[in-house]
Amino acid sequence: MRPPNIVWLPHYIGRVHTDEALAELFLATSRRIRRETMQRIGPLGLNPHLSRALRIIDDNAPLRPSQLAALLDVAPRSASDTIAALTASGWITRSVDPDDGRAYRIELTESGHALAAKVHATRTAVTTEVFGVLDEAERQMLSDFLCRLGVTSP
C-alpha cells in the first residue's frame, strides 16, 4: 500500500514517508521564508531577484556585471536588466573600472546601503521566526544535513 501524501500541516511532524514528501516540506519552508520576506520588503519596491542582487552587491562590491551574473547564477543579459533596474531606482551606481577603462563596476549608493540594511534586518527577523522553533542542536543538525545535500548534488 502506498503511504499517504504528506502536506504542510503540523500534525504530520515526524511522519515524512517519502523523499517526495520530504521535498515538499523543504520547499514549503523555503516558500514560507520567501513569502514572509517579500510581504515585508515588497512595499519598498523590491522583488525576490532584486533583493538577492542587492544583498550580493552589498556583500561583494565593487563588482563588474559579469561577476554579479556569476554570483546570481544568471546569464549576463539578466544581470544587465537587474543592474538597470537597481540603477533606475537609485540603489546602485556605475563607475569606470580603474583596471580596465572599457569596463565598469557597480556599487551601492547611500540609499542602496540603507535598503540593503533593511533587507538584511527583515531576512534576519523572518529566519529567526521560522527557525526559532528549533533548539541549537536541531539547528546545527539541519545545517549539517543541508550542507551535505548541497555538497553531494551534481
Protein backbone atom coordinates (compact mmCIF):
# COMPACT_ATOMS: atom_id res chain seq x y z
CA MET A 1 0.00 0.00 0.00
CA ARG A 2 1.29 3.44 -0.93
CA PRO A 3 1.86 5.80 2.03
CA PRO A 4 -0.40 8.84 2.19
CA ASN A 5 0.74 12.12 0.73
CA ILE A 6 2.12 14.40 3.38
CA VAL A 7 1.07 18.03 3.28
CA TRP A 8 2.38 21.01 5.22
CA LEU A 9 0.32 20.58 8.37
CA PRO A 10 1.63 20.44 11.94
CA HIS A 11 0.01 17.06 12.64
CA TYR A 12 2.37 15.48 10.09
CA ILE A 13 5.50 16.43 12.03
CA GLY A 14 7.68 13.35 12.33
CA ARG A 15 5.71 11.44 9.68
CA VAL A 16 7.55 12.07 6.41
CA HIS A 17 7.16 8.85 4.44
CA THR A 18 8.75 9.54 1.08
CA ASP A 19 11.52 11.57 -0.49
CA GLU A 20 8.82 13.42 -2.42
CA ALA A 21 7.05 14.38 0.82
CA LEU A 22 10.36 15.48 2.31
CA ALA A 23 10.99 17.64 -0.76
CA GLU A 24 7.54 19.20 -0.38
CA LEU A 25 8.24 20.07 3.25
CA PHE A 26 11.60 21.54 2.29
CA LEU A 27 10.05 23.63 -0.50
CA ALA A 28 7.18 24.75 1.74
CA THR A 29 9.69 26.05 4.27
CA SER A 30 11.63 27.86 1.55
CA ARG A 31 8.43 29.37 0.14
CA ARG A 32 7.39 30.50 3.62
CA ILE A 33 10.69 32.35 4.11
CA ARG A 34 10.41 33.94 0.67
CA ARG A 35 6.71 34.86 1.08
CA GLU A 36 7.10 36.39 4.54
CA THR A 37 10.22 38.28 3.49
CA MET A 38 8.56 39.68 0.38
CA GLN A 39 5.44 40.71 2.30
CA ARG A 40 7.69 42.94 4.37
CA ILE A 41 10.09 44.27 1.72
CA GLY A 42 7.84 44.22 -1.35
CA PRO A 43 6.40 47.64 -0.46
CA LEU A 44 9.96 49.01 -0.69
CA GLY A 45 9.94 48.29 -4.44
CA LEU A 46 11.85 45.02 -4.39
CA ASN A 47 11.08 41.63 -5.87
CA PRO A 48 12.98 38.49 -4.79
CA HIS A 49 15.53 38.78 -7.60
CA LEU A 50 16.34 42.44 -6.93
CA SER A 51 16.51 41.75 -3.21
CA ARG A 52 19.04 38.96 -3.75
CA ALA A 53 21.09 41.09 -6.15
CA LEU A 54 21.13 43.95 -3.66
CA ARG A 55 22.40 41.62 -0.91
CA ILE A 56 25.10 40.19 -3.19
CA ILE A 57 26.30 43.63 -4.26
CA ASP A 58 26.32 44.77 -0.63
CA ASP A 59 28.48 41.79 0.33
CA ASN A 60 30.87 41.90 -2.65
CA ALA A 61 31.09 45.40 -4.15
CA PRO A 62 32.66 46.74 -6.19
CA LEU A 63 31.65 44.21 -8.84
CA ARG A 64 31.78 44.00 -12.59
CA PRO A 65 28.48 42.99 -14.20
CA SER A 66 29.96 39.61 -15.19
CA GLN A 67 30.84 38.94 -11.55
CA LEU A 68 27.31 39.79 -10.47
CA ALA A 69 25.92 37.46 -13.15
CA ALA A 70 28.13 34.64 -11.88
CA LEU A 71 27.15 35.22 -8.24
CA LEU A 72 23.45 35.35 -9.18
CA ASP A 73 23.92 32.30 -11.42
CA VAL A 74 22.16 34.03 -14.31
CA ALA A 75 23.00 34.96 -17.89
CA PRO A 76 24.88 38.24 -18.36
CA ARG A 77 21.80 39.75 -20.08
CA SER A 78 19.68 39.04 -17.00
CA ALA A 79 22.32 40.68 -14.81
CA SER A 80 22.24 43.72 -17.12
CA ASP A 81 18.47 44.00 -16.66
CA THR A 82 18.92 43.73 -12.89
CA ILE A 83 21.65 46.38 -12.90
CA ALA A 84 19.43 48.68 -14.97
CA ALA A 85 16.52 48.27 -12.54
CA LEU A 86 18.70 48.87 -9.48
CA THR A 87 20.34 51.89 -11.15
CA ALA A 88 16.97 53.38 -12.17
CA SER A 89 15.80 53.06 -8.57
CA GLY A 90 18.89 54.89 -7.36
CA TRP A 91 20.18 51.95 -5.31
CA ILE A 92 23.42 51.33 -7.23
CA THR A 93 25.86 53.41 -9.21
CA ARG A 94 28.16 52.55 -12.08
CA SER A 95 31.72 53.77 -12.33
CA VAL A 96 34.60 53.11 -14.71
CA ASP A 97 36.76 50.20 -13.62
CA PRO A 98 40.22 51.68 -12.87
CA ASP A 99 41.84 48.41 -14.01
CA ASP A 100 40.05 48.44 -17.39
CA GLY A 101 38.65 51.67 -18.76
CA ARG A 102 36.33 49.73 -21.09
CA ALA A 103 34.55 48.06 -18.18
CA TYR A 104 32.52 49.40 -15.32
CA ARG A 105 31.92 48.45 -11.71
CA ILE A 106 28.78 48.65 -9.65
CA GLU A 107 28.42 49.66 -6.03
CA LEU A 108 25.58 50.57 -3.72
CA THR A 109 24.58 54.18 -3.28
CA GLU A 110 23.82 55.58 0.16
CA SER A 111 20.14 54.75 -0.32
CA GLY A 112 21.16 51.30 -1.58
CA HIS A 113 23.14 50.68 1.60
CA ALA A 114 20.16 51.78 3.70
CA LEU A 115 17.84 49.49 1.75
CA ALA A 116 20.28 46.58 1.98
CA ALA A 117 20.35 47.05 5.76
CA LYS A 118 16.52 46.90 5.85
CA VAL A 119 16.53 43.76 3.70
CA HIS A 120 19.14 42.15 5.95
CA ALA A 121 17.18 43.03 9.10
CA THR A 122 13.97 41.70 7.56
CA ARG A 123 15.54 38.41 6.47
CA THR A 124 17.08 38.03 9.91
CA ALA A 125 13.70 38.59 11.56
CA VAL A 126 11.90 36.16 9.24
CA THR A 127 14.50 33.40 9.51
CA THR A 128 14.62 33.83 13.27
CA GLU A 129 10.85 33.33 13.36
CA VAL A 130 10.98 30.30 11.07
CA PHE A 131 13.95 28.57 12.67
CA GLY A 132 13.16 29.79 16.18
CA VAL A 133 11.20 26.60 16.86
CA LEU A 134 14.48 24.66 16.70
CA ASP A 135 16.93 24.49 19.57
CA GLU A 136 20.66 24.98 18.93
CA ALA A 137 21.34 21.25 18.46
CA GLU A 138 18.49 20.94 15.95
CA ARG A 139 19.72 23.99 14.05
CA GLN A 140 23.20 22.51 13.84
CA MET A 141 21.78 19.19 12.66
CA LEU A 142 19.69 20.90 9.99
CA SER A 143 22.71 22.92 8.88
CA ASP A 144 24.81 19.75 8.65
CA PHE A 145 22.11 17.97 6.62
CA LEU A 146 21.63 20.88 4.22
CA CYS A 147 25.39 21.22 3.70
CA ARG A 148 25.61 17.52 2.91
CA LEU A 149 22.77 17.79 0.42
CA GLY A 150 24.37 20.81 -1.25
CA VAL A 151 27.82 19.23 -1.42
CA THR A 152 26.59 15.94 -2.85
CA SER A 153 24.32 17.46 -5.50
CA PRO A 154 25.52 17.41 -9.12
